[in-house]
Amino acid sequence: MFEFVEKGASVADNVIIGPYSVVKAGAKIGKGSVIGAFCFIDSNVCIGEDNYIGHSVHLLGRVQLGRHNHIQDNTVIGLPSKHIGYHFYQGRVIVGDDNFIGNGCAIDCGNNHLSDKYPELLSYLSGDLISDENLEDATIIGNRCYILNNVTIHHNCRVGLGNLKDCAGDYDTVICTGCCLNGFVQVRKGSELSSGTYIREFASLGEGCFTAMSSHIVKDILPFSAILKNKNIGLADKLIQKFHCSEIEIRNLRDNFAARRSGRLKIY
């Protein structure tokens, strides 16, 4: 009771909407999803099946959620992108399946203007995307990502995409509390960022990378590298074991990564 669902919103069967939540006309909510109290679901939001949306979550602009995602309280997804001279443009956010996004996270939508200035970013952003759709203006969270509290993900980031098989656990990619990903950052599938990791704009982390607490990443990182005190200390053995990768597989991943990265930054 006391929810506000505008005429023109599409709400499937078995959807629960908490009190004082607003669902705008044009929004779509798939069956079995739960929306907590005091949420705001904008008109261009599409929520798939069996999602859990906590209290006071705001989904703004063009946001697409897949299935079986768990988004905790006070998270905002779809904030306008923040880049000097381009903050007026609002692209979109695409979130895949089976993700956990903790309390108080902020995820910006993409913008599609910087590639006019940096055309090399077009191929950089299109890696792994088999769709014919132009996703240049999207911030993308893949599948099976575990993102803890108060993580900030800025415009045009790519998280959890990459050429690894799913691990035996529930989640492949882990981003711990208080991390910050600046614009056009890639954190590829299987990486683990410890609390307080900051990643500069355009940096790309290959599959299975590990960063220690309070790392400041200012270069690209080859797959399955471990970063401690902002230095590459060798292979991330625990993540290699997690994904059961052989030496040949690691070598192939590193070769593919070197060919795919934007080339704007050096490699650790």
Protein backbone atom coordinates (compact mmCIF):
# COMPACT_ATOMS: atom_id res chain seq x y z
CA MET A 1 0.00 0.00 0.00
CA PHE A 2 0.94 3.66 -0.51
CA GLU A 3 3.16 2.84 -3.50
CA PHE A 4 2.86 5.15 -6.52
CA VAL A 5 2.76 3.27 -9.82
CA GLU A 6 1.98 5.58 -12.72
CA LYS A 7 -0.34 4.59 -15.52
CA GLY A 8 1.77 3.17 -18.37
CA ALA A 9 4.21 1.32 -16.13
CA SER A 10 4.47 -2.41 -16.87
CA VAL A 11 4.51 -4.50 -13.69
CA ALA A 12 4.48 -8.30 -14.09
CA ASP A 13 2.93 -10.90 -11.81
CA ASN A 14 4.22 -11.58 -8.30
CA VAL A 15 6.03 -8.24 -8.04
CA ILE A 16 6.19 -6.68 -4.58
CA ILE A 17 6.54 -2.89 -4.35
CA GLY A 18 7.26 -1.36 -0.94
CA PRO A 19 5.51 1.66 0.56
CA TYR A 20 6.20 5.14 -0.80
CA SER A 21 8.10 3.86 -3.81
CA VAL A 22 7.53 5.56 -7.18
CA VAL A 23 7.39 3.68 -10.48
CA LYS A 24 7.20 6.05 -13.45
CA ALA A 25 5.17 5.52 -16.61
CA GLY A 26 7.18 3.46 -19.12
CA ALA A 27 9.12 1.51 -16.50
CA LYS A 28 9.11 -2.29 -16.79
CA ILE A 29 9.43 -4.70 -13.85
CA GLY A 30 9.76 -8.46 -14.46
CA LYS A 31 7.92 -11.13 -12.54
CA GLY A 32 9.06 -12.13 -9.09
CA SER A 33 11.01 -8.95 -8.43
CA VAL A 34 10.88 -7.16 -5.08
CA ILE A 35 11.12 -3.36 -4.77
CA GLY A 36 11.76 -1.99 -1.28
CA ALA A 37 10.33 1.12 0.36
CA PHE A 38 11.11 4.67 -0.79
CA CYS A 39 12.55 3.58 -4.14
CA PHE A 40 12.42 5.57 -7.38
CA ILE A 41 12.14 3.68 -10.67
CA ASP A 42 12.48 6.03 -13.65
CA SER A 43 10.47 5.83 -16.86
CA ASN A 44 13.19 4.21 -19.00
CA VAL A 45 14.18 1.55 -16.47
CA CYS A 46 13.80 -2.14 -17.36
CA ILE A 47 14.08 -4.62 -14.47
CA GLY A 48 14.25 -8.33 -15.32
CA GLU A 49 12.89 -11.28 -13.38
CA ASP A 50 13.57 -12.15 -9.75
CA ASN A 51 15.55 -9.07 -8.77
CA TYR A 52 15.70 -7.78 -5.21
CA ILE A 53 15.87 -3.99 -4.91
CA GLY A 54 16.45 -2.75 -1.34
CA HIS A 55 15.06 0.35 0.35
CA SER A 56 15.71 3.86 -1.00
CA VAL A 57 17.32 2.62 -4.22
CA HIS A 58 17.08 5.05 -7.15
CA LEU A 59 17.28 3.77 -10.74
CA LEU A 60 17.56 6.83 -12.97
CA GLY A 61 17.37 7.41 -16.71
CA ARG A 62 18.06 4.40 -18.92
CA VAL A 63 18.93 1.45 -16.67
CA GLN A 64 18.61 -2.20 -17.67
CA LEU A 65 18.84 -4.96 -15.07
CA GLY A 66 19.06 -8.62 -15.99
CA ARG A 67 17.92 -11.43 -13.69
CA HIS A 68 18.62 -12.49 -10.12
CA ASN A 69 20.41 -9.31 -9.03
CA HIS A 70 20.50 -8.20 -5.40
CA ILE A 71 20.83 -4.43 -4.94
CA GLN A 72 21.05 -3.22 -1.37
CA ASP A 73 19.75 -0.06 0.28
CA ASN A 74 20.59 3.53 -0.75
CA THR A 75 22.30 2.62 -4.02
CA VAL A 76 21.86 4.94 -7.01
CA ILE A 77 22.28 3.60 -10.56
CA GLY A 78 22.13 5.82 -13.62
CA LEU A 79 23.59 9.05 -12.29
CA PRO A 80 24.58 11.51 -15.04
CA SER A 81 28.14 10.98 -16.23
CA LYS A 82 30.68 13.33 -14.72
CA HIS A 83 33.38 14.58 -17.06
CA ILE A 84 34.30 18.23 -17.47
CA GLY A 85 32.35 19.59 -20.41
CA TYR A 86 30.28 16.41 -20.84
CA HIS A 87 28.37 16.05 -17.59
CA PHE A 88 25.12 17.11 -19.31
CA TYR A 89 24.88 13.91 -21.36
CA GLN A 90 23.04 10.94 -19.91
CA GLY A 91 23.64 7.59 -21.57
CA ARG A 92 22.74 4.34 -19.87
CA VAL A 93 23.71 1.56 -17.49
CA ILE A 94 23.45 -2.14 -18.31
CA VAL A 95 23.65 -4.70 -15.48
CA GLY A 96 23.73 -8.42 -16.29
CA ASP A 97 22.64 -11.39 -14.16
CA ASP A 98 23.43 -12.75 -10.70
CA ASN A 99 25.15 -9.66 -9.33
CA PHE A 100 25.30 -8.35 -5.77
CA ILE A 101 25.59 -4.58 -5.35
CA GLY A 102 26.03 -3.38 -1.74
CA ASN A 103 24.73 -0.44 0.25
CA GLY A 104 25.37 3.08 -0.92
CA CYS A 105 26.96 2.36 -4.27
CA ALA A 106 26.89 4.98 -7.05
CA ILE A 107 27.02 3.94 -10.72
CA ASP A 108 27.13 6.60 -13.43
CA CYS A 109 25.67 6.19 -16.89
CA GLY A 110 27.95 6.38 -19.90
CA ASN A 111 28.45 9.20 -22.35
CA ASN A 112 29.30 8.93 -26.03
CA HIS A 113 31.13 12.16 -26.65
CA LEU A 114 34.72 11.48 -25.61
CA SER A 115 35.28 9.02 -28.44
CA ASP A 116 35.00 11.96 -30.82
CA LYS A 117 38.21 13.21 -29.23
CA TYR A 118 39.70 9.75 -28.58
CA PRO A 119 38.56 7.48 -31.48
CA GLU A 120 40.72 4.59 -30.22
CA LEU A 121 38.21 4.16 -27.40
CA LEU A 122 35.60 2.81 -29.81
CA SER A 123 37.39 -0.51 -30.26
CA TYR A 124 38.48 -0.47 -26.61
CA LEU A 125 34.87 -0.24 -25.43
CA SER A 126 33.52 -2.79 -27.89
CA GLY A 127 35.67 -5.70 -26.68
CA ASP A 128 33.61 -8.76 -25.64
CA LEU A 129 30.34 -7.27 -26.91
CA ILE A 130 28.89 -9.49 -29.60
CA SER A 131 25.72 -7.48 -30.03
CA ASP A 132 25.26 -5.40 -33.16
CA GLU A 133 23.91 -2.65 -30.92
CA ASN A 134 26.16 0.35 -30.37
CA LEU A 135 26.94 0.31 -26.64
CA GLU A 136 29.40 3.18 -26.68
CA ASP A 137 27.20 5.25 -24.35
CA ALA A 138 26.82 2.52 -21.71
CA THR A 139 28.39 1.72 -18.38
CA ILE A 140 28.26 -2.09 -18.20
CA ILE A 141 28.31 -4.49 -15.23
CA GLY A 142 28.54 -8.09 -16.47
CA ASN A 143 27.45 -11.24 -14.64
CA ARG A 144 28.35 -12.70 -11.25
CA CYS A 145 29.95 -9.56 -9.81
CA TYR A 146 30.13 -9.00 -6.05
CA ILE A 147 30.33 -5.26 -5.37
CA LEU A 148 30.44 -4.26 -1.72
CA ASN A 149 29.33 -1.07 0.04
CA ASN A 150 30.09 2.48 -1.08
CA VAL A 151 31.73 1.63 -4.39
CA THR A 152 31.73 4.36 -7.05
CA ILE A 153 31.73 3.37 -10.72
CA HIS A 154 31.97 6.30 -13.11
CA HIS A 155 30.97 6.68 -16.75
CA ASN A 156 31.69 4.10 -19.46
CA CYS A 157 33.29 1.55 -17.15
CA ARG A 158 33.25 -2.16 -18.00
CA VAL A 159 33.15 -4.55 -15.03
CA GLY A 160 33.12 -8.35 -15.12
CA LEU A 161 33.52 -8.89 -18.86
CA GLY A 162 36.24 -11.20 -20.12
CA ASN A 163 37.37 -14.55 -21.43
CA LEU A 164 37.16 -16.76 -18.35
CA LYS A 165 34.83 -19.62 -17.47
CA ASP A 166 32.71 -19.15 -14.37
CA CYS A 167 34.40 -20.28 -11.17
CA ALA A 168 32.91 -22.82 -8.78
CA GLY A 169 31.87 -20.09 -6.33
CA ASP A 170 28.90 -17.76 -6.45
CA TYR A 171 30.83 -14.77 -7.82
CA ASP A 172 33.69 -14.28 -10.26
CA THR A 173 34.57 -10.60 -9.95
CA VAL A 174 34.89 -8.91 -6.54
CA ILE A 175 35.10 -5.19 -5.75
CA CYS A 176 35.45 -4.47 -2.04
CA THR A 177 34.20 -1.55 0.05
CA GLY A 178 35.16 2.00 -0.86
CA CYS A 179 36.72 1.38 -4.28
CA CYS A 180 36.48 4.01 -7.00
CA LEU A 181 36.60 3.36 -10.76
CA ASN A 182 37.03 6.51 -12.83
CA GLY A 183 35.83 6.97 -16.41
CA PHE A 184 36.52 4.32 -19.09
CA VAL A 185 38.04 1.87 -16.58
CA GLN A 186 37.91 -1.85 -17.33
CA VAL A 187 37.97 -4.38 -14.50
CA ARG A 188 37.81 -7.66 -16.33
CA LYS A 189 36.21 -10.89 -15.16
CA GLY A 190 37.82 -12.66 -12.23
CA SER A 191 39.61 -9.61 -10.80
CA GLU A 192 39.51 -8.81 -7.09
CA LEU A 193 39.94 -5.24 -5.82
CA SER A 194 40.65 -4.89 -2.12
CA SER A 195 39.07 -2.08 -0.11
CA GLY A 196 39.97 1.47 -1.01
CA THR A 197 41.42 0.73 -4.46
CA TYR A 198 41.34 3.79 -6.74
CA ILE A 199 41.72 3.33 -10.49
CA ARG A 200 42.56 6.24 -12.77
CA GLU A 201 40.71 7.06 -15.96
CA PHE A 202 41.33 4.74 -18.97
CA ALA A 203 43.11 2.07 -16.89
CA SER A 204 42.39 -1.55 -17.80
CA LEU A 205 42.80 -4.54 -15.49
CA GLY A 206 43.01 -7.89 -17.23
CA GLU A 207 41.29 -11.07 -16.13
CA GLY A 208 42.11 -12.33 -12.66
CA CYS A 209 44.02 -9.29 -11.36
CA PHE A 210 44.42 -8.66 -7.65
CA THR A 211 44.98 -5.27 -5.97
CA ALA A 212 45.90 -4.87 -2.30
CA MET A 213 44.10 -2.46 0.03
CA SER A 214 44.38 1.27 -0.75
CA SER A 215 46.04 0.67 -4.12
CA HIS A 216 46.17 3.57 -6.57
CA ILE A 217 46.18 2.04 -10.04
CA VAL A 218 47.60 4.39 -12.69
CA LYS A 219 48.62 1.88 -15.39
CA ASP A 220 47.19 -1.14 -17.19
CA ILE A 221 47.62 -4.53 -15.51
CA LEU A 222 48.21 -7.81 -17.33
CA PRO A 223 45.85 -10.72 -16.50
CA PHE A 224 46.52 -12.59 -13.26
CA SER A 225 48.93 -9.98 -11.92
CA ALA A 226 49.08 -9.04 -8.23
CA ILE A 227 49.56 -5.40 -7.21
CA LEU A 228 50.89 -4.57 -3.73
CA LYS A 229 51.86 -1.04 -2.71
CA ASN A 230 51.34 -0.04 -6.34
CA LYS A 231 53.97 -2.47 -7.60
CA ASN A 232 53.51 -5.63 -9.64
CA ILE A 233 54.71 -8.45 -7.37
CA GLY A 234 54.07 -11.32 -9.80
CA LEU A 235 51.23 -13.73 -10.41
CA ALA A 236 47.99 -13.79 -8.42
CA ASP A 237 48.27 -17.48 -7.55
CA LYS A 238 45.01 -17.75 -5.58
CA LEU A 239 43.02 -16.41 -8.52
CA ILE A 240 44.83 -18.73 -10.93
CA GLN A 241 43.72 -21.62 -8.70
CA LYS A 242 40.20 -20.20 -8.42
CA PHE A 243 39.76 -20.37 -12.21
CA HIS A 244 42.01 -23.42 -12.80
CA CYS A 245 44.04 -21.66 -15.48
CA SER A 246 47.07 -23.29 -17.08
CA GLU A 247 50.25 -21.49 -18.13
CA ILE A 248 49.13 -21.61 -21.76
CA GLU A 249 45.73 -20.11 -20.90
CA ILE A 250 47.38 -17.32 -18.92
CA ARG A 251 49.77 -16.59 -21.78
CA ASN A 252 46.88 -16.44 -24.25
CA LEU A 253 44.91 -14.12 -21.98
CA ARG A 254 47.87 -11.81 -21.66
CA ASP A 255 48.47 -11.73 -25.41
CA ASN A 256 44.81 -10.96 -26.06
CA PHE A 257 44.80 -8.27 -23.40
CA ALA A 258 47.88 -6.56 -24.83
CA ALA A 259 46.20 -6.41 -28.24
CA ARG A 260 42.86 -5.20 -26.88
CA ARG A 261 43.74 -2.44 -24.40
CA SER A 262 43.40 1.21 -25.36
CA GLY A 263 47.16 1.87 -25.32
CA ARG A 264 46.72 5.18 -23.51
CA LEU A 265 48.62 3.93 -20.44
CA LYS A 266 51.76 1.92 -19.76
CA ILE A 267 51.63 -1.58 -18.25
CA TYR A 268 52.75 -2.42 -14.72
